[in-house]
C-alpha atoms as a PDB file:
ATOM      1  CA  MET A   1     102.541  46.010  54.349  1.00  0.00           C
ATOM      2  CA  VAL A   2     103.729  44.372  57.572  1.00  0.00           C
ATOM      3  CA  LEU A   3     100.303  43.574  59.025  1.00  0.00           C
ATOM      4  CA  PRO A   4      99.543  40.216  57.315  1.00  0.00           C
ATOM      5  CA  ASP A   5     102.821  38.702  58.482  1.00  0.00           C
ATOM      6  CA  LEU A   6     103.057  40.091  62.012  1.00  0.00           C
ATOM      7  CA  PRO A   7     101.361  36.921  63.352  1.00  0.00           C
ATOM      8  CA  ILE A   8     104.414  35.003  62.071  1.00  0.00           C
ATOM      9  CA  LEU A   9     106.753  37.192  64.119  1.00  0.00           C
ATOM     10  CA  LEU A  10     104.501  36.803  67.154  1.00  0.00           C
ATOM     11  CA  ASP A  11     104.589  33.007  66.732  1.00  0.00           C
ATOM     12  CA  GLU A  12     108.382  33.090  66.557  1.00  0.00           C
ATOM     13  CA  ILE A  13     108.726  34.950  69.871  1.00  0.00           C
ATOM     14  CA  GLY A  14     106.107  32.893  71.723  1.00  0.00           C
ATOM     15  CA  GLY A  15     103.110  35.207  71.586  1.00  0.00           C
ATOM     16  CA  THR A  16     100.647  33.110  69.595  1.00  0.00           C
ATOM     17  CA  GLN A  17      97.837  33.569  72.136  1.00  0.00           C
ATOM     18  CA  TYR A  18      98.075  37.346  71.835  1.00  0.00           C
ATOM     19  CA  LYS A  19      97.421  37.631  68.085  1.00  0.00           C
ATOM     20  CA  TRP A  20      94.063  39.281  68.667  1.00  0.00           C
ATOM     21  CA  LEU A  21      95.903  42.271  70.186  1.00  0.00           C
ATOM     22  CA  ILE A  22      97.935  43.043  67.045  1.00  0.00           C
ATOM     23  CA  ILE A  23      95.402  45.521  65.659  1.00  0.00           C
ATOM     24  CA  PRO A  24      94.000  46.980  68.922  1.00  0.00           C
ATOM     25  CA  SER A  25      97.490  47.721  70.308  1.00  0.00           C
ATOM     26  CA  PHE A  26      98.173  49.765  67.174  1.00  0.00           C
ATOM     27  CA  ALA A  27      94.762  51.387  66.843  1.00  0.00           C
ATOM     28  CA  ILE A  28      94.370  52.430  70.497  1.00  0.00           C
ATOM     29  CA  VAL A  29      97.522  54.562  70.353  1.00  0.00           C
ATOM     30  CA  ALA A  30      96.455  55.950  66.973  1.00  0.00           C
ATOM     31  CA  LEU A  31      93.144  56.919  68.563  1.00  0.00           C
ATOM     32  CA  PHE A  32      94.729  58.767  71.496  1.00  0.00           C
ATOM     33  CA  SER A  33      97.152  60.582  69.211  1.00  0.00           C
ATOM     34  CA  ARG A  34      94.361  62.011  67.016  1.00  0.00           C
ATOM     35  CA  PRO A  35      93.569  65.069  69.197  1.00  0.00           C
ATOM     36  CA  PHE A  36      97.270  65.943  69.171  1.00  0.00           C
ATOM     37  CA  SER A  37      97.595  65.485  65.412  1.00  0.00           C
ATOM     38  CA  GLY A  38      94.521  67.646  64.818  1.00  0.00           C
ATOM     39  CA  LYS A  39      95.879  70.406  67.052  1.00  0.00           C
ATOM     40  CA  PHE A  40      99.362  70.249  65.527  1.00  0.00           C
ATOM     41  CA  SER A  41      97.856  70.217  62.038  1.00  0.00           C
ATOM     42  CA  ASP A  42      95.843  73.398  62.639  1.00  0.00           C
ATOM     43  CA  SER A  43      98.669  75.265  64.405  1.00  0.00           C
ATOM     44  CA  VAL A  44     102.138  73.976  63.437  1.00  0.00           C
ATOM     45  CA  GLY A  45     101.099  72.791  59.984  1.00  0.00           C
ATOM     46  CA  ARG A  46     100.003  69.875  57.830  1.00  0.00           C
ATOM     47  CA  VAL A  47     103.499  69.132  56.531  1.00  0.00           C
ATOM     48  CA  PHE A  48     104.922  68.795  60.039  1.00  0.00           C
ATOM     49  CA  VAL A  49     102.223  66.279  60.985  1.00  0.00           C
ATOM     50  CA  MET A  50     102.741  64.226  57.817  1.00  0.00           C
ATOM     51  CA  CYS A  51     106.514  64.136  58.311  1.00  0.00           C
ATOM     52  CA  ILE A  52     106.173  62.963  61.917  1.00  0.00           C
ATOM     53  CA  GLY A  53     103.909  60.136  60.781  1.00  0.00           C
ATOM     54  CA  ALA A  54     106.267  59.038  58.014  1.00  0.00           C
ATOM     55  CA  LEU A  55     109.327  59.154  60.282  1.00  0.00           C
ATOM     56  CA  ILE A  56     107.639  57.030  62.949  1.00  0.00           C
ATOM     57  CA  THR A  57     106.517  54.355  60.495  1.00  0.00           C
ATOM     58  CA  THR A  58     110.086  54.180  59.144  1.00  0.00           C
ATOM     59  CA  LEU A  59     111.536  53.626  62.612  1.00  0.00           C
ATOM     60  CA  ALA A  60     108.826  51.199  63.711  1.00  0.00           C
ATOM     61  CA  CYS A  61     109.259  48.974  60.634  1.00  0.00           C
ATOM     62  CA  PHE A  62     113.015  48.961  61.243  1.00  0.00           C
ATOM     63  CA  PHE A  63     112.567  48.043  64.930  1.00  0.00           C
ATOM     64  CA  TYR A  64     110.541  44.929  64.010  1.00  0.00           C
ATOM     65  CA  LEU A  65     113.832  43.408  62.875  1.00  0.00           C
ATOM     66  CA  PHE A  66     115.174  43.359  66.448  1.00  0.00           C
ATOM     67  CA  ILE A  67     112.250  42.238  68.610  1.00  0.00           C
ATOM     68  CA  PRO A  68     113.044  39.217  70.840  1.00  0.00           C
ATOM     69  CA  VAL A  69     110.090  39.221  73.280  1.00  0.00           C
ATOM     70  CA  VAL A  70     106.314  39.778  73.229  1.00  0.00           C
ATOM     71  CA  LEU A  71     106.400  42.898  75.416  1.00  0.00           C
ATOM     72  CA  LEU A  72     108.716  44.725  73.004  1.00  0.00           C
ATOM     73  CA  PHE A  73     106.573  43.595  70.088  1.00  0.00           C
ATOM     74  CA  PHE A  74     103.508  45.345  71.483  1.00  0.00           C
ATOM     75  CA  ALA A  75     105.548  48.352  72.592  1.00  0.00           C
ATOM     76  CA  ASN A  76     106.636  48.784  68.979  1.00  0.00           C
ATOM     77  CA  ARG A  77     103.084  48.224  67.728  1.00  0.00           C
ATOM     78  CA  ALA A  78     101.977  51.050  70.017  1.00  0.00           C
ATOM     79  CA  PHE A  79     104.803  53.280  68.740  1.00  0.00           C
ATOM     80  CA  HIS A  80     103.817  52.397  65.170  1.00  0.00           C
ATOM     81  CA  GLY A  81     100.256  53.477  65.943  1.00  0.00           C
ATOM     82  CA  ILE A  82     101.371  57.094  66.348  1.00  0.00           C
ATOM     83  CA  CYS A  83     102.023  57.122  62.599  1.00  0.00           C
ATOM     84  CA  ALA A  84      98.387  56.245  61.876  1.00  0.00           C
ATOM     85  CA  GLY A  85      97.350  58.975  64.286  1.00  0.00           C
ATOM     86  CA  PHE A  86      99.369  61.670  62.510  1.00  0.00           C
ATOM     87  CA  ALA A  87      99.916  61.102  58.790  1.00  0.00           C
ATOM     88  CA  PRO A  88      96.253  60.610  57.660  1.00  0.00           C
ATOM     89  CA  THR A  89      95.076  63.665  59.587  1.00  0.00           C
ATOM     90  CA  GLY A  90      97.781  65.734  57.916  1.00  0.00           C
ATOM     91  CA  PHE A  91      97.347  64.641  54.325  1.00  0.00           C
ATOM     92  CA  THR A  92      93.527  64.693  54.461  1.00  0.00           C
ATOM     93  CA  ALA A  93      93.507  68.278  55.762  1.00  0.00           C
ATOM     94  CA  TYR A  94      96.237  69.212  53.262  1.00  0.00           C
ATOM     95  CA  ALA A  95      94.184  67.865  50.358  1.00  0.00           C
ATOM     96  CA  ASP A  96      91.124  69.819  51.495  1.00  0.00           C
ATOM     97  CA  ASP A  97      93.217  72.995  51.729  1.00  0.00           C
ATOM     98  CA  VAL A  98      94.442  72.848  48.150  1.00  0.00           C
ATOM     99  CA  VAL A  99      91.252  71.946  46.239  1.00  0.00           C
ATOM    100  CA  PRO A 100      88.232  74.113  45.308  1.00  0.00           C
ATOM    101  CA  PHE A 101      85.127  73.710  47.475  1.00  0.00           C
ATOM    102  CA  GLU A 102      83.035  72.325  44.627  1.00  0.00           C
ATOM    103  CA  LYS A 103      85.516  69.464  44.127  1.00  0.00           C
ATOM    104  CA  ARG A 104      85.894  68.552  47.790  1.00  0.00           C
ATOM    105  CA  GLY A 105      84.183  65.167  47.464  1.00  0.00           C
ATOM    106  CA  GLU A 106      86.248  64.275  44.410  1.00  0.00           C
ATOM    107  CA  ALA A 107      89.444  65.200  46.266  1.00  0.00           C
ATOM    108  CA  MET A 108      88.510  63.026  49.264  1.00  0.00           C
ATOM    109  CA  GLY A 109      87.874  60.190  46.825  1.00  0.00           C
ATOM    110  CA  ILE A 110      91.355  60.546  45.343  1.00  0.00           C
ATOM    111  CA  VAL A 111      92.956  60.645  48.807  1.00  0.00           C
ATOM    112  CA  GLY A 112      91.090  57.477  49.712  1.00  0.00           C
ATOM    113  CA  ILE A 113      92.124  55.773  46.495  1.00  0.00           C
ATOM    114  CA  CYS A 114      95.802  56.453  47.095  1.00  0.00           C
ATOM    115  CA  ASN A 115      95.564  55.394  50.725  1.00  0.00           C
ATOM    116  CA  ASN A 116      93.818  52.137  49.930  1.00  0.00           C
ATOM    117  CA  ILE A 117      96.047  51.342  46.971  1.00  0.00           C
ATOM    118  CA  GLY A 118      99.007  51.630  49.317  1.00  0.00           C
ATOM    119  CA  ASN A 119      97.377  49.328  51.856  1.00  0.00           C
ATOM    120  CA  ALA A 120      96.319  46.723  49.315  1.00  0.00           C
ATOM    121  CA  ILE A 121      99.584  46.664  47.383  1.00  0.00           C
ATOM    122  CA  GLY A 122     101.402  46.537  50.686  1.00  0.00           C
ATOM    123  CA  TRP A 123      99.504  43.418  51.711  1.00  0.00           C
ATOM    124  CA  VAL A 124     100.313  41.670  48.443  1.00  0.00           C
ATOM    125  CA  ILE A 125     103.981  42.743  48.280  1.00  0.00           C
ATOM    126  CA  GLY A 126     104.541  42.042  51.959  1.00  0.00           C
ATOM    127  CA  SER A 127     103.155  38.539  51.692  1.00  0.00           C
ATOM    128  CA  LYS A 128     105.273  37.917  48.586  1.00  0.00           C
ATOM    129  CA  CYS A 129     108.464  39.249  50.202  1.00  0.00           C
ATOM    130  CA  THR A 130     107.971  37.016  53.224  1.00  0.00           C
ATOM    131  CA  SER A 131     107.314  33.884  51.162  1.00  0.00           C
ATOM    132  CA  GLU A 132     110.247  34.514  48.789  1.00  0.00           C
ATOM    133  CA  PHE A 133     112.910  36.184  50.935  1.00  0.00           C
ATOM    134  CA  GLY A 134     111.853  35.787  54.548  1.00  0.00           C
ATOM    135  CA  LEU A 135     110.086  37.960  57.104  1.00  0.00           C
ATOM    136  CA  ASP A 136     112.957  40.431  57.569  1.00  0.00           C
ATOM    137  CA  SER A 137     112.735  41.518  53.935  1.00  0.00           C
ATOM    138  CA  THR A 138     109.184  42.751  54.497  1.00  0.00           C
ATOM    139  CA  PHE A 139     110.271  44.973  57.386  1.00  0.00           C
ATOM    140  CA  ILE A 140     113.254  46.343  55.439  1.00  0.00           C
ATOM    141  CA  VAL A 141     111.184  47.240  52.371  1.00  0.00           C
ATOM    142  CA  SER A 142     108.522  48.825  54.584  1.00  0.00           C
ATOM    143  CA  ALA A 143     111.099  50.984  56.342  1.00  0.00           C
ATOM    144  CA  ILE A 144     112.549  52.130  53.005  1.00  0.00           C
ATOM    145  CA  LEU A 145     109.097  53.084  51.704  1.00  0.00           C
ATOM    146  CA  GLY A 146     108.421  55.005  54.912  1.00  0.00           C
ATOM    147  CA  LEU A 147     111.629  56.961  54.454  1.00  0.00           C
ATOM    148  CA  ILE A 148     110.737  57.799  50.849  1.00  0.00           C
ATOM    149  CA  SER A 149     107.347  59.111  51.992  1.00  0.00           C
ATOM    150  CA  PHE A 150     109.065  61.289  54.597  1.00  0.00           C
ATOM    151  CA  PHE A 151     111.147  63.049  51.941  1.00  0.00           C
ATOM    152  CA  ILE A 152     108.098  63.505  49.699  1.00  0.00           C
ATOM    153  CA  PHE A 153     106.107  65.106  52.525  1.00  0.00           C
ATOM    154  CA  PHE A 154     109.094  67.256  53.505  1.00  0.00           C
ATOM    155  CA  SER A 155     109.277  68.682  49.981  1.00  0.00           C
ATOM    156  CA  LEU A 156     105.692  70.021  50.066  1.00  0.00           C
ATOM    157  CA  ASP A 157     104.814  73.675  50.680  1.00  0.00           C
ATOM    158  CA  GLU A 158     102.806  74.285  53.850  1.00  0.00           C
ATOM    159  CA  SER A 159      99.115  74.907  53.098  1.00  0.00           C
ATOM    160  CA  ILE A 160      98.008  76.795  56.236  1.00  0.00           C
ATOM    161  CA  LYS A 161      98.641  80.504  56.642  1.00  0.00           C
ATOM    162  CA  GLN A 162     101.109  81.621  59.300  1.00  0.00           C
ATOM    163  CA  PRO A 163     102.037  78.265  60.875  1.00  0.00           C
ATOM    164  CA  LYS A 164     103.234  78.542  64.471  1.00  0.00           C
ATOM    165  CA  LYS A 165     106.374  77.157  66.034  1.00  0.00           C
ATOM    166  CA  ILE A 166     105.989  74.000  68.090  1.00  0.00           C
ATOM    167  CA  SER A 167     105.648  74.635  71.821  1.00  0.00           C
ATOM    168  CA  TRP A 168     104.640  72.817  75.006  1.00  0.00           C
ATOM    169  CA  SER A 169     101.147  74.281  74.711  1.00  0.00           C
ATOM    170  CA  ASN A 170     100.592  72.040  71.689  1.00  0.00           C
ATOM    171  CA  PHE A 171     100.842  69.005  73.966  1.00  0.00           C
ATOM    172  CA  LYS A 172      98.107  70.235  76.317  1.00  0.00           C
ATOM    173  CA  ILE A 173      94.720  68.980  75.191  1.00  0.00           C
ATOM    174  CA  ARG A 174      91.703  70.562  76.845  1.00  0.00           C
ATOM    175  CA  LYS A 175      88.258  68.964  76.960  1.00  0.00           C
ATOM    176  CA  ASN A 176      86.931  71.102  74.139  1.00  0.00           C
ATOM    177  CA  GLU A 177      89.884  70.071  71.959  1.00  0.00           C
ATOM    178  CA  LEU A 178      89.215  66.323  72.084  1.00  0.00           C
ATOM    179  CA  PHE A 179      86.345  66.291  69.590  1.00  0.00           C
ATOM    180  CA  GLU A 180      84.770  68.561  67.025  1.00  0.00           C
ATOM    181  CA  LYS A 181      81.045  68.283  67.828  1.00  0.00           C
ATOM    182  CA  ARG A 182      80.042  69.595  64.414  1.00  0.00           C
ATOM    183  CA  VAL A 183      81.187  66.358  62.757  1.00  0.00           C
ATOM    184  CA  LEU A 184      79.656  63.956  65.284  1.00  0.00           C
ATOM    185  CA  ILE A 185      77.067  62.397  62.939  1.00  0.00           C
ATOM    186  CA  PRO A 186      79.487  61.499  60.098  1.00  0.00           C
ATOM    187  CA  SER A 187      81.944  60.274  62.744  1.00  0.00           C
ATOM    188  CA  ILE A 188      79.409  57.861  64.246  1.00  0.00           C
ATOM    189  CA  VAL A 189      78.540  56.607  60.773  1.00  0.00           C
ATOM    190  CA  LEU A 190      82.240  55.971  60.140  1.00  0.00           C
ATOM    191  CA  LEU A 191      82.599  54.109  63.460  1.00  0.00           C
ATOM    192  CA  LEU A 192      79.757  51.738  62.580  1.00  0.00           C
ATOM    193  CA  SER A 193      81.242  51.163  59.126  1.00  0.00           C
ATOM    194  CA  ALA A 194      84.804  50.732  60.409  1.00  0.00           C
ATOM    195  CA  PHE A 195      83.709  47.899  62.706  1.00  0.00           C
ATOM    196  CA  SER A 196      83.518  45.751  59.565  1.00  0.00           C
ATOM    197  CA  SER A 197      86.993  46.853  58.546  1.00  0.00           C
ATOM    198  CA  GLY A 198      88.349  45.816  61.950  1.00  0.00           C
ATOM    199  CA  ALA A 199      86.706  42.403  61.652  1.00  0.00           C
ATOM    200  CA  VAL A 200      88.154  41.901  58.169  1.00  0.00           C
ATOM    201  CA  LEU A 201      91.653  42.974  59.228  1.00  0.00           C
ATOM    202  CA  ALA A 202      91.548  40.581  62.178  1.00  0.00           C
ATOM    203  CA  LEU A 203      90.176  37.522  60.400  1.00  0.00           C
ATOM    204  CA  ILE A 204      90.720  37.716  56.656  1.00  0.00           C
ATOM    205  CA  ALA A 205      94.188  36.133  56.740  1.00  0.00           C
ATOM    206  CA  ASP A 206      92.862  33.070  58.604  1.00  0.00           C
ATOM    207  CA  TYR A 207      89.715  33.061  56.471  1.00  0.00           C
ATOM    208  CA  SER A 208      91.809  33.078  53.275  1.00  0.00           C
ATOM    209  CA  TYR A 209      93.895  30.160  54.532  1.00  0.00           C
ATOM    210  CA  TYR A 210      90.767  28.275  55.620  1.00  0.00           C
ATOM    211  CA  ILE A 211      89.198  28.339  52.153  1.00  0.00           C
ATOM    212  CA  GLY A 212      92.467  27.535  50.392  1.00  0.00           C
ATOM    213  CA  ILE A 213      93.771  30.911  49.187  1.00  0.00           C
ATOM    214  CA  GLU A 214      97.528  31.068  49.713  1.00  0.00           C
ATOM    215  CA  ASN A 215      98.203  34.801  49.333  1.00  0.00           C
ATOM    216  CA  LYS A 216      96.711  36.575  52.335  1.00  0.00           C
ATOM    217  CA  GLY A 217      96.564  39.842  50.394  1.00  0.00           C
ATOM    218  CA  THR A 218      94.095  38.536  47.805  1.00  0.00           C
ATOM    219  CA  TYR A 219      90.993  39.884  49.542  1.00  0.00           C
ATOM    220  CA  MET A 220      92.559  43.324  49.896  1.00  0.00           C
ATOM    221  CA  ALA A 221      93.731  43.309  46.284  1.00  0.00           C
ATOM    222  CA  ILE A 222      90.241  42.545  44.970  1.00  0.00           C
ATOM    223  CA  TYR A 223      88.775  45.079  47.380  1.00  0.00           C
ATOM    224  CA  ILE A 224      91.047  47.849  46.134  1.00  0.00           C
ATOM    225  CA  VAL A 225      90.197  47.179  42.477  1.00  0.00           C
ATOM    226  CA  SER A 226      86.483  47.594  43.160  1.00  0.00           C
ATOM    227  CA  SER A 227      87.207  50.571  45.420  1.00  0.00           C
ATOM    228  CA  ILE A 228      89.221  52.327  42.688  1.00  0.00           C
ATOM    229  CA  PHE A 229      86.408  51.652  40.251  1.00  0.00           C
ATOM    230  CA  VAL A 230      83.906  53.581  42.342  1.00  0.00           C
ATOM    231  CA  ARG A 231      85.900  56.181  44.306  1.00  0.00           C
ATOM    232  CA  PHE A 232      86.463  58.722  41.538  1.00  0.00           C
ATOM    233  CA  MET A 233      82.761  58.671  40.744  1.00  0.00           C
ATOM    234  CA  ALA A 234      81.721  58.510  44.415  1.00  0.00           C
ATOM    235  CA  GLY A 235      83.433  61.793  45.214  1.00  0.00           C
ATOM    236  CA  ARG A 236      81.778  63.505  42.284  1.00  0.00           C
ATOM    237  CA  TRP A 237      78.421  61.937  43.130  1.00  0.00           C
ATOM    238  CA  SER A 238      78.645  63.233  46.703  1.00  0.00           C
ATOM    239  CA  ASP A 239      79.413  66.716  45.336  1.00  0.00           C
ATOM    240  CA  ARG A 240      76.413  66.505  43.029  1.00  0.00           C
ATOM    241  CA  TYR A 241      73.758  64.487  44.871  1.00  0.00           C
ATOM    242  CA  GLY A 242      74.780  64.981  48.506  1.00  0.00           C
ATOM    243  CA  ARG A 243      76.766  63.089  51.097  1.00  0.00           C
ATOM    244  CA  ARG A 244      73.686  61.430  52.644  1.00  0.00           C
ATOM    245  CA  ILE A 245      72.461  59.345  49.735  1.00  0.00           C
ATOM    246  CA  ILE A 246      75.945  58.161  48.746  1.00  0.00           C
ATOM    247  CA  SER A 247      76.707  57.140  52.345  1.00  0.00           C
ATOM    248  CA  ILE A 248      73.457  55.169  52.568  1.00  0.00           C
ATOM    249  CA  ILE A 249      74.177  53.293  49.333  1.00  0.00           C
ATOM    250  CA  GLY A 250      77.662  52.514  50.618  1.00  0.00           C
ATOM    251  CA  SER A 251      76.190  51.097  53.829  1.00  0.00           C
ATOM    252  CA  VAL A 252      74.016  48.729  51.792  1.00  0.00           C
ATOM    253  CA  PHE A 253      77.054  47.374  49.943  1.00  0.00           C
ATOM    254  CA  LEU A 254      79.084  47.064  53.140  1.00  0.00           C
ATOM    255  CA  CYS A 255      76.327  45.191  54.956  1.00  0.00           C
ATOM    256  CA  SER A 256      75.954  42.828  51.995  1.00  0.00           C
ATOM    257  CA  SER A 257      79.707  42.206  52.002  1.00  0.00           C
ATOM    258  CA  MET A 258      79.727  41.071  55.640  1.00  0.00           C
ATOM    259  CA  LEU A 259      76.672  38.858  55.125  1.00  0.00           C
ATOM    260  CA  CYS A 260      78.452  37.115  52.234  1.00  0.00           C
ATOM    261  CA  LEU A 261      81.330  36.202  54.537  1.00  0.00           C
ATOM    262  CA  ALA A 262      79.018  35.194  57.374  1.00  0.00           C
ATOM    263  CA  LEU A 263      76.650  32.941  55.464  1.00  0.00           C
ATOM    264  CA  SER A 264      79.025  30.956  53.286  1.00  0.00           C
ATOM    265  CA  LEU A 265      82.639  29.789  53.595  1.00  0.00           C
ATOM    266  CA  ARG A 266      83.255  29.544  49.848  1.00  0.00           C
ATOM    267  CA  ILE A 267      85.729  31.087  47.439  1.00  0.00           C
ATOM    268  CA  GLU A 268      82.890  32.524  45.354  1.00  0.00           C
ATOM    269  CA  THR A 269      81.399  34.464  48.268  1.00  0.00           C
ATOM    270  CA  TYR A 270      84.922  35.512  49.321  1.00  0.00           C
ATOM    271  CA  ILE A 271      85.363  37.219  45.950  1.00  0.00           C
ATOM    272  CA  ILE A 272      81.854  38.720  45.937  1.00  0.00           C
ATOM    273  CA  SER A 273      82.388  40.016  49.469  1.00  0.00           C
ATOM    274  CA  SER A 274      85.678  41.700  48.619  1.00  0.00           C
ATOM    275  CA  VAL A 275      84.062  43.435  45.637  1.00  0.00           C
ATOM    276  CA  LEU A 276      81.131  44.651  47.738  1.00  0.00           C
ATOM    277  CA  PHE A 277      83.496  45.691  50.524  1.00  0.00           C
ATOM    278  CA  GLY A 278      85.403  47.893  48.084  1.00  0.00           C
ATOM    279  CA  LEU A 279      82.240  49.402  46.654  1.00  0.00           C
ATOM    280  CA  GLY A 280      80.886  50.096  50.140  1.00  0.00           C
ATOM    281  CA  PHE A 281      83.941  51.867  51.502  1.00  0.00           C
ATOM    282  CA  GLY A 282      84.574  53.475  48.130  1.00  0.00           C
ATOM    283  CA  LEU A 283      81.227  55.228  48.474  1.00  0.00           C
ATOM    284  CA  ILE A 284      81.187  55.887  52.215  1.00  0.00           C
ATOM    285  CA  SER A 285      84.698  57.202  52.823  1.00  0.00           C
ATOM    286  CA  PRO A 286      84.913  60.209  50.453  1.00  0.00           C
ATOM    287  CA  SER A 287      81.331  61.182  51.288  1.00  0.00           C
ATOM    288  CA  LEU A 288      81.942  61.243  55.046  1.00  0.00           C
ATOM    289  CA  PHE A 289      85.239  63.114  54.799  1.00  0.00           C
ATOM    290  CA  ALA A 290      83.745  65.698  52.444  1.00  0.00           C
ATOM    291  CA  TRP A 291      80.715  65.981  54.739  1.00  0.00           C
ATOM    292  CA  SER A 292      82.996  66.654  57.714  1.00  0.00           C
ATOM    293  CA  ALA A 293      84.877  69.294  55.740  1.00  0.00           C
ATOM    294  CA  ASP A 294      81.522  70.921  54.924  1.00  0.00           C
ATOM    295  CA  LEU A 295      80.621  71.077  58.612  1.00  0.00           C
ATOM    296  CA  ALA A 296      84.021  72.152  59.974  1.00  0.00           C
ATOM    297  CA  LEU A 297      84.754  75.772  60.816  1.00  0.00           C
ATOM    298  CA  PRO A 298      87.689  77.494  59.058  1.00  0.00           C
ATOM    299  CA  GLY A 299      90.853  76.917  61.026  1.00  0.00           C
ATOM    300  CA  LEU A 300      89.501  73.759  62.671  1.00  0.00           C
ATOM    301  CA  LYS A 301      89.633  71.299  59.798  1.00  0.00           C
ATOM    302  CA  GLY A 302      92.529  69.403  61.363  1.00  0.00           C
ATOM    303  CA  LYS A 303      90.468  68.984  64.527  1.00  0.00           C
ATOM    304  CA  ALA A 304      87.449  67.879  62.489  1.00  0.00           C
ATOM    305  CA  PHE A 305      89.391  65.272  60.549  1.00  0.00           C
ATOM    306  CA  GLY A 306      91.112  64.198  63.760  1.00  0.00           C
ATOM    307  CA  THR A 307      87.672  63.562  65.276  1.00  0.00           C
ATOM    308  CA  LEU A 308      86.645  61.544  62.236  1.00  0.00           C
ATOM    309  CA  PHE A 309      89.785  59.435  62.526  1.00  0.00           C
ATOM    310  CA  ILE A 310      89.198  58.928  66.271  1.00  0.00           C
ATOM    311  CA  PHE A 311      85.876  57.291  65.504  1.00  0.00           C
ATOM    312  CA  LEU A 312      87.498  55.354  62.664  1.00  0.00           C
ATOM    313  CA  GLU A 313      90.060  53.941  65.085  1.00  0.00           C
ATOM    314  CA  LEU A 314      87.350  53.144  67.637  1.00  0.00           C
ATOM    315  CA  GLY A 315      85.478  51.160  65.008  1.00  0.00           C
ATOM    316  CA  ILE A 316      88.594  49.254  63.971  1.00  0.00           C
ATOM    317  CA  ILE A 317      89.577  48.550  67.583  1.00  0.00           C
ATOM    318  CA  LEU A 318      86.138  47.289  68.535  1.00  0.00           C
ATOM    319  CA  GLY A 319      85.704  45.312  65.309  1.00  0.00           C
ATOM    320  CA  SER A 320      89.100  43.636  65.409  1.00  0.00           C
ATOM    321  CA  ALA A 321      88.962  42.871  69.141  1.00  0.00           C
ATOM    322  CA  PHE A 322      85.429  41.461  68.952  1.00  0.00           C
ATOM    323  CA  ALA A 323      86.162  39.404  65.839  1.00  0.00           C
ATOM    324  CA  GLY A 324      89.484  38.159  67.186  1.00  0.00           C
ATOM    325  CA  LEU A 325      88.045  37.102  70.526  1.00  0.00           C
ATOM    326  CA  ILE A 326      85.032  35.383  68.966  1.00  0.00           C
ATOM    327  CA  TYR A 327      87.172  33.525  66.466  1.00  0.00           C
ATOM    328  CA  ASN A 328      89.847  32.498  68.978  1.00  0.00           C
ATOM    329  CA  ASN A 329      87.210  31.172  71.361  1.00  0.00           C
ATOM    330  CA  THR A 330      84.951  29.379  68.893  1.00  0.00           C
ATOM    331  CA  GLY A 331      86.819  29.094  65.593  1.00  0.00           C
ATOM    332  CA  ASN A 332      83.642  30.431  63.983  1.00  0.00           C
ATOM    333  CA  PHE A 333      83.637  33.251  61.444  1.00  0.00           C
ATOM    334  CA  PHE A 334      79.842  33.458  61.339  1.00  0.00           C
ATOM    335  CA  ILE A 335      79.114  35.509  64.474  1.00  0.00           C
ATOM    336  CA  ALA A 336      81.876  38.046  63.874  1.00  0.00           C
ATOM    337  CA  PHE A 337      80.916  38.800  60.269  1.00  0.00           C
ATOM    338  CA  LEU A 338      77.158  38.692  60.912  1.00  0.00           C
ATOM    339  CA  PHE A 339      77.389  41.214  63.758  1.00  0.00           C
ATOM    340  CA  SER A 340      79.609  43.435  61.583  1.00  0.00           C
ATOM    341  CA  GLY A 341      76.969  43.322  58.870  1.00  0.00           C
ATOM    342  CA  ILE A 342      74.239  44.376  61.293  1.00  0.00           C
ATOM    343  CA  LEU A 343      76.283  47.373  62.470  1.00  0.00           C
ATOM    344  CA  ALA A 344      77.052  48.325  58.866  1.00  0.00           C
ATOM    345  CA  ALA A 345      73.313  48.657  58.244  1.00  0.00           C
ATOM    346  CA  LEU A 346      72.715  51.036  61.166  1.00  0.00           C
ATOM    347  CA  PRO A 347      73.968  54.216  59.389  1.00  0.00           C
ATOM    348  CA  MET A 348      70.874  54.039  57.195  1.00  0.00           C
ATOM    349  CA  LEU A 349      68.726  54.472  60.320  1.00  0.00           C
ATOM    350  CA  LEU A 350      71.006  57.156  61.771  1.00  0.00           C
ATOM    351  CA  ILE A 351      71.413  59.414  58.736  1.00  0.00           C
ATOM    352  CA  MET A 352      67.791  59.618  57.649  1.00  0.00           C
ATOM    353  CA  PRO A 353      66.378  61.005  60.944  1.00  0.00           C
ATOM    354  CA  PHE A 354      69.252  63.498  61.084  1.00  0.00           C
ATOM    355  CA  PHE A 355      68.447  64.802  57.631  1.00  0.00           C
ATOM    356  CA  SER A 356      64.763  64.993  58.298  1.00  0.00           C
ATOM    357  CA  LYS A 357      65.562  67.831  60.728  1.00  0.00           C
ATOM    358  CA  HIS A 358      68.671  69.363  59.195  1.00  0.00           C
ATOM    359  CA  LYS A 359      68.888  70.602  55.648  1.00  0.00           C
ATOM    360  CA  TYR A 360      72.104  69.487  54.013  1.00  0.00           C
ATOM    361  CA  SER A 361      74.062  72.178  52.202  1.00  0.00           C
ATOM    362  CA  ARG A 362      74.701  70.084  49.115  1.00  0.00           C
END
């Protein structure tokens, strides 16, 4: 909700030249917190991890109201990133715990729908709050919503058996606890796909303004409508036809979306791109998360999903930093979106050789 209007706050405190760091400063901390969230999720519990994430986002949104200098701005962005490192790992693992195996893909689709609806509605509401009531109203509403989510998470029953008490050993991450090697292939596919997401997050507000669209949440709103349209079916399709084929089709849509933005600066291609973007991620996301759950060992699902999110954050960091630097230096959207489109096509080459040697269980 706060993301589209954070550049305004940065302008107000004299940090205009650092706008390209808004997403990386958040995503880098989220990335480094993933191994911890996976370990906490598998040992202390999913509910604990979700509550920590919700509490941090509440505090971070509140702190934005009192930031006078650029250094504190990025310190708070980093603090806010811990939320993204914890909450998604917790609720994704929780959802997988409570659904039957044969409906795993469908469940991941529903989780993705709810997550993306929140993001898209947040963009639209945040932009509206800022334009109607000022920037502070966006931070206040965001903090209130974070607090509501904390109480919802707190009310849930823990889904893992015999959760352990938190101890200092939970904060010690060994080498073999950083990644779950079993989910490396779907994680790499997600990284290549998330590069496009990072580019969109970094540039879509400026792109919208450039082509004359006032509400910076329009692209995300259109994207979520098309994503909702396909996600329920995508999860079921991945359960029925396999994760591979659905992921490949999603990559085709995602690549096409980036090419639309790269090759034409028009409102028509803006709309087409947002639709294709939603269809692409609507197909890819539930398939990859269900695939990772298929590959994960019992008791290590939090670690597996944490690994998947690490690669997601890497993709967003690289995509947003690359796109932001290219745009700030040249003012050209073409290179950033074209390169994102090329990377979005690579999963098709990666998945097929993998499956030629490994039989997929579904």
